[in-house]
Amino acid sequence: MTKVDLTPAFLIHRRAFKDSSLLLDFFTLEHGRVRLVGRGLRNSKTPIQVFQHLRISYRGKGDLKGLNHWEADDIPRQLKGERLILGMYVNELISRLLHEQDPHFELFEIYKNFIENLATVEALSSHWLLRLFEHQLLQELGYGVDFSCDLAGDEIQLDATYEYQHQGGFARSVAGKILGKSINQLLTDDINNMPDLEQLKACRDLNRQRLNPLLGNKPLQSRALFFSK
């Protein structure tokens, strides 16, 4: 019998499950991603919210355990429009890339900071915030590459252009799309030090190159909402 009391968590996905229940996916601090049954929650007058820091308790045997208590440990966040799409996208990345019952303590704090900042940053900054999160996610999951030196062992030059080679790193190239300065900005992880629009798109394309092999052939549902973003 598993018994967990008041562990910090975020709800990242929910769907109807039998009668009046919900099937709930949580990202928890101590137990990683867990899937629980919330019995009777479809009819609850106080629905459990995504994008809000919670503390949850659950019990059960086997793979599918039951949520038996939850409480909010945070302010409610009603993300709308583009910010909602970005939040949905990050939740889908967590769902797809994290194994169940595999804790990632640092990543939990990174996700928490992302959600808190997403609700307050300016529209364009929210896309840079997302690029930083994608980079940190890959680093935390063990798919990082050297952002300080290129494949030749030379220090990344801010005014040079580079191309990314899968699982290898950066090669200096006159045909490269991403500036060394942008590589450095991803490395330093500063929301206030954002590339220009062209290089922001180059960072987006870089992260997609890094993420796509991990996601496989099944497309992300939330990514379709980005259109040309």
Protein backbone atom coordinates (compact mmCIF):
# COMPACT_ATOMS: atom_id res chain seq x y z
CA MET A 1 0.00 0.00 0.00
CA THR A 2 1.38 3.38 -1.05
CA LYS A 3 0.57 6.29 1.24
CA VAL A 4 1.74 9.82 0.38
CA ASP A 5 0.73 12.87 2.40
CA LEU A 6 0.74 16.50 1.27
CA THR A 7 3.49 16.29 -1.29
CA PRO A 8 4.05 19.47 -3.38
CA ALA A 9 2.56 19.06 -6.85
CA PHE A 10 1.19 20.68 -9.98
CA LEU A 11 -1.70 19.28 -11.98
CA ILE A 12 -0.53 19.01 -15.59
CA HIS A 13 -3.40 17.13 -17.27
CA ARG A 14 -6.91 15.91 -16.50
CA ARG A 15 -9.64 14.04 -18.33
CA ALA A 16 -12.95 12.39 -17.58
CA PHE A 17 -12.76 8.89 -16.10
CA LYS A 18 -15.82 6.76 -15.44
CA ASP A 19 -19.00 8.22 -13.95
CA SER A 20 -18.07 11.40 -12.04
CA SER A 21 -14.32 10.83 -11.66
CA LEU A 22 -11.25 12.39 -13.26
CA LEU A 23 -7.97 10.87 -14.35
CA LEU A 24 -5.31 13.30 -13.12
CA ASP A 25 -1.64 13.61 -14.05
CA PHE A 26 0.52 15.44 -11.51
CA PHE A 27 4.12 16.59 -11.52
CA THR A 28 5.22 16.17 -7.91
CA LEU A 29 8.37 17.25 -6.12
CA GLU A 30 9.11 13.96 -4.38
CA HIS A 31 7.67 11.35 -6.74
CA GLY A 32 7.94 12.84 -10.22
CA ARG A 33 5.02 12.33 -12.55
CA VAL A 34 2.11 10.36 -11.07
CA ARG A 35 -1.34 9.47 -12.40
CA LEU A 36 -4.21 9.36 -9.93
CA VAL A 37 -7.97 8.88 -9.92
CA GLY A 38 -9.93 11.78 -8.45
CA ARG A 39 -13.21 10.15 -7.50
CA GLY A 40 -16.24 12.43 -7.74
CA LEU A 41 -14.17 15.46 -8.76
CA ARG A 42 -16.10 16.11 -11.98
CA ASN A 43 -18.98 17.37 -9.84
CA SER A 44 -16.87 19.26 -7.31
CA LYS A 45 -17.81 22.87 -6.55
CA THR A 46 -14.11 23.67 -6.03
CA PRO A 47 -12.39 22.18 -9.10
CA ILE A 48 -8.72 21.36 -8.91
CA GLN A 49 -6.71 23.83 -10.99
CA VAL A 50 -3.76 23.57 -13.36
CA PHE A 51 -0.90 26.11 -13.05
CA GLN A 52 -1.35 26.30 -9.27
CA HIS A 53 1.02 24.93 -6.66
CA LEU A 54 -0.80 22.26 -4.66
CA ARG A 55 -0.22 19.76 -1.90
CA ILE A 56 -1.76 16.38 -2.56
CA SER A 57 -2.27 13.15 -0.62
CA TYR A 58 -2.95 9.81 -2.25
CA ARG A 59 -3.30 6.15 -1.39
CA GLY A 60 -3.51 2.83 -3.16
CA LYS A 61 -1.99 -0.31 -4.55
CA GLY A 62 -0.86 -1.06 -8.07
CA ASP A 63 -0.36 1.43 -10.87
CA LEU A 64 -3.47 3.58 -10.46
CA LYS A 65 -3.88 5.12 -7.03
CA GLY A 66 -6.54 7.43 -5.66
CA LEU A 67 -6.29 11.10 -4.78
CA ASN A 68 -7.86 11.46 -1.35
CA HIS A 69 -6.96 15.05 -0.44
CA TRP A 70 -5.64 18.20 -2.08
CA GLU A 71 -5.20 21.79 -1.04
CA ALA A 72 -3.99 24.91 -2.80
CA ASP A 73 -0.65 26.29 -1.63
CA ASP A 74 -0.60 29.19 -4.08
CA ILE A 75 -2.70 31.87 -5.74
CA PRO A 76 -4.99 30.77 -8.60
CA ARG A 77 -3.66 31.52 -12.09
CA GLN A 78 -6.07 31.99 -14.96
CA LEU A 79 -3.71 31.95 -17.92
CA LYS A 80 -5.36 33.15 -21.13
CA GLY A 81 -4.57 33.36 -24.83
CA GLU A 82 -0.96 32.83 -25.77
CA ARG A 83 0.16 32.33 -22.18
CA LEU A 84 -2.34 29.49 -21.81
CA ILE A 85 -0.97 27.82 -24.96
CA LEU A 86 2.60 28.12 -23.65
CA GLY A 87 1.57 26.60 -20.33
CA MET A 88 -0.25 23.74 -22.07
CA TYR A 89 2.82 23.11 -24.22
CA VAL A 90 5.14 22.87 -21.22
CA ASN A 91 2.70 20.56 -19.42
CA GLU A 92 2.64 18.33 -22.48
CA LEU A 93 6.44 18.23 -22.57
CA ILE A 94 6.48 17.15 -18.92
CA SER A 95 3.87 14.46 -19.63
CA ARG A 96 5.73 13.11 -22.65
CA LEU A 97 9.34 13.27 -21.48
CA LEU A 98 9.22 12.32 -17.80
CA HIS A 99 8.88 8.71 -16.70
CA GLU A 100 6.34 7.94 -13.99
CA GLN A 101 7.64 7.80 -10.41
CA ASP A 102 10.97 9.35 -11.43
CA PRO A 103 11.60 12.45 -9.27
CA HIS A 104 13.36 15.52 -10.64
CA PHE A 105 13.76 17.93 -7.74
CA GLU A 106 15.57 20.69 -9.63
CA LEU A 107 13.20 20.45 -12.59
CA PHE A 108 10.22 20.84 -10.26
CA GLU A 109 11.59 24.17 -9.06
CA ILE A 110 12.38 25.21 -12.64
CA TYR A 111 8.79 24.41 -13.65
CA LYS A 112 7.41 26.28 -10.63
CA ASN A 113 9.43 29.39 -11.52
CA PHE A 114 8.33 29.12 -15.16
CA ILE A 115 4.63 29.06 -14.23
CA GLU A 116 4.99 31.97 -11.79
CA ASN A 117 6.85 34.09 -14.34
CA LEU A 118 4.57 33.16 -17.24
CA ALA A 119 1.65 34.90 -15.60
CA THR A 120 3.50 38.22 -15.31
CA VAL A 121 6.06 38.67 -18.10
CA GLU A 122 5.38 40.65 -21.27
CA ALA A 123 4.12 38.78 -24.33
CA LEU A 124 7.42 38.61 -26.22
CA SER A 125 9.37 37.78 -23.07
CA SER A 126 7.08 34.79 -22.51
CA HIS A 127 8.57 33.15 -25.62
CA TRP A 128 12.10 33.70 -24.34
CA LEU A 129 10.97 32.29 -20.98
CA LEU A 130 9.80 29.19 -22.85
CA ARG A 131 13.10 28.82 -24.71
CA LEU A 132 14.97 28.96 -21.39
CA PHE A 133 12.64 26.33 -19.91
CA GLU A 134 13.13 23.97 -22.86
CA HIS A 135 16.89 24.31 -22.51
CA GLN A 136 16.80 23.65 -18.76
CA LEU A 137 14.45 20.69 -19.27
CA LEU A 138 16.89 19.06 -21.70
CA GLN A 139 19.80 19.71 -19.36
CA GLU A 140 17.98 18.23 -16.36
CA LEU A 141 16.95 15.11 -18.31
CA GLY A 142 20.54 14.43 -19.34
CA TYR A 143 20.36 15.65 -22.94
CA GLY A 144 22.56 18.68 -22.55
CA VAL A 145 25.45 19.61 -24.83
CA ASP A 146 28.38 21.95 -24.33
CA PHE A 147 27.19 25.55 -24.69
CA SER A 148 30.56 27.06 -23.80
CA CYS A 149 32.74 25.48 -26.51
CA ASP A 150 32.16 24.30 -30.08
CA LEU A 151 32.92 20.85 -31.48
CA ALA A 152 36.48 21.90 -32.28
CA GLY A 153 37.04 22.71 -28.61
CA ASP A 154 37.14 26.46 -29.17
CA GLU A 155 35.22 28.86 -26.95
CA ILE A 156 31.91 30.00 -28.42
CA GLN A 157 32.45 33.39 -30.05
CA LEU A 158 29.63 35.88 -29.54
CA ASP A 159 29.79 37.34 -33.06
CA ALA A 160 30.21 34.02 -34.93
CA THR A 161 27.42 31.88 -36.40
CA TYR A 162 26.91 28.20 -35.62
CA GLU A 163 24.91 25.17 -36.67
CA TYR A 164 23.78 22.48 -34.27
CA GLN A 165 24.76 18.85 -34.81
CA HIS A 166 22.45 16.38 -33.10
CA GLN A 167 23.78 15.14 -29.74
CA GLY A 168 27.16 16.59 -30.62
CA GLY A 169 27.06 20.32 -30.14
CA PHE A 170 27.81 23.43 -32.14
CA ALA A 171 29.95 23.72 -35.24
CA ARG A 172 31.10 27.12 -36.42
CA SER A 173 29.71 27.82 -39.89
CA VAL A 174 29.16 30.85 -42.10
CA ALA A 175 25.85 29.23 -43.06
CA GLY A 176 24.82 28.78 -39.42
CA LYS A 177 21.60 30.39 -38.21
CA ILE A 178 22.31 30.89 -34.53
CA LEU A 179 24.72 33.45 -33.15
CA GLY A 180 27.25 32.64 -30.48
CA LYS A 181 25.70 35.47 -28.48
CA SER A 182 22.33 33.66 -28.48
CA ILE A 183 23.98 30.39 -27.40
CA ASN A 184 25.54 32.31 -24.52
CA GLN A 185 22.18 33.87 -23.62
CA LEU A 186 20.60 30.42 -23.34
CA LEU A 187 23.49 29.31 -21.16
CA THR A 188 23.31 32.28 -18.79
CA ASP A 189 19.54 31.85 -18.30
CA ASP A 190 18.57 35.50 -17.83
CA ILE A 191 14.96 36.41 -18.68
CA ASN A 192 16.00 40.06 -18.98
CA ASN A 193 18.75 39.32 -21.53
CA MET A 194 16.62 38.34 -24.53
CA PRO A 195 17.79 37.97 -28.15
CA ASP A 196 16.20 39.98 -30.96
CA LEU A 197 13.21 38.51 -32.79
CA GLU A 198 15.29 36.80 -35.50
CA GLN A 199 17.56 35.12 -32.96
CA LEU A 200 14.61 34.25 -30.73
CA LYS A 201 13.27 32.20 -33.66
CA ALA A 202 16.73 30.67 -34.13
CA CYS A 203 16.65 29.57 -30.47
CA ARG A 204 13.19 28.12 -31.04
CA ASP A 205 14.44 26.10 -34.02
CA LEU A 206 17.49 24.94 -32.05
CA ASN A 207 15.35 23.64 -29.19
CA ARG A 208 13.02 21.88 -31.61
CA GLN A 209 16.02 20.13 -33.17
CA ARG A 210 16.99 18.93 -29.71
CA LEU A 211 13.49 17.95 -28.60
CA ASN A 212 12.10 16.25 -31.72
CA PRO A 213 14.18 13.04 -31.46
CA LEU A 214 12.93 12.58 -27.89
CA LEU A 215 9.28 13.19 -28.75
CA GLY A 216 9.18 10.74 -31.66
CA ASN A 217 6.61 10.74 -34.45
CA LYS A 218 3.59 11.58 -32.30
CA PRO A 219 3.02 15.36 -32.66
CA LEU A 220 2.44 17.57 -29.65
CA GLN A 221 -1.20 18.64 -29.61
CA SER A 222 -0.37 22.00 -28.05
CA ARG A 223 2.27 22.80 -30.67
CA ALA A 224 -0.44 22.94 -33.34
CA LEU A 225 -1.87 25.96 -31.51
CA PHE A 226 1.28 27.99 -32.02
CA PHE A 227 0.64 28.51 -35.75
CA SER A 228 3.64 30.54 -36.90
CA LYS A 229 4.95 31.45 -33.45
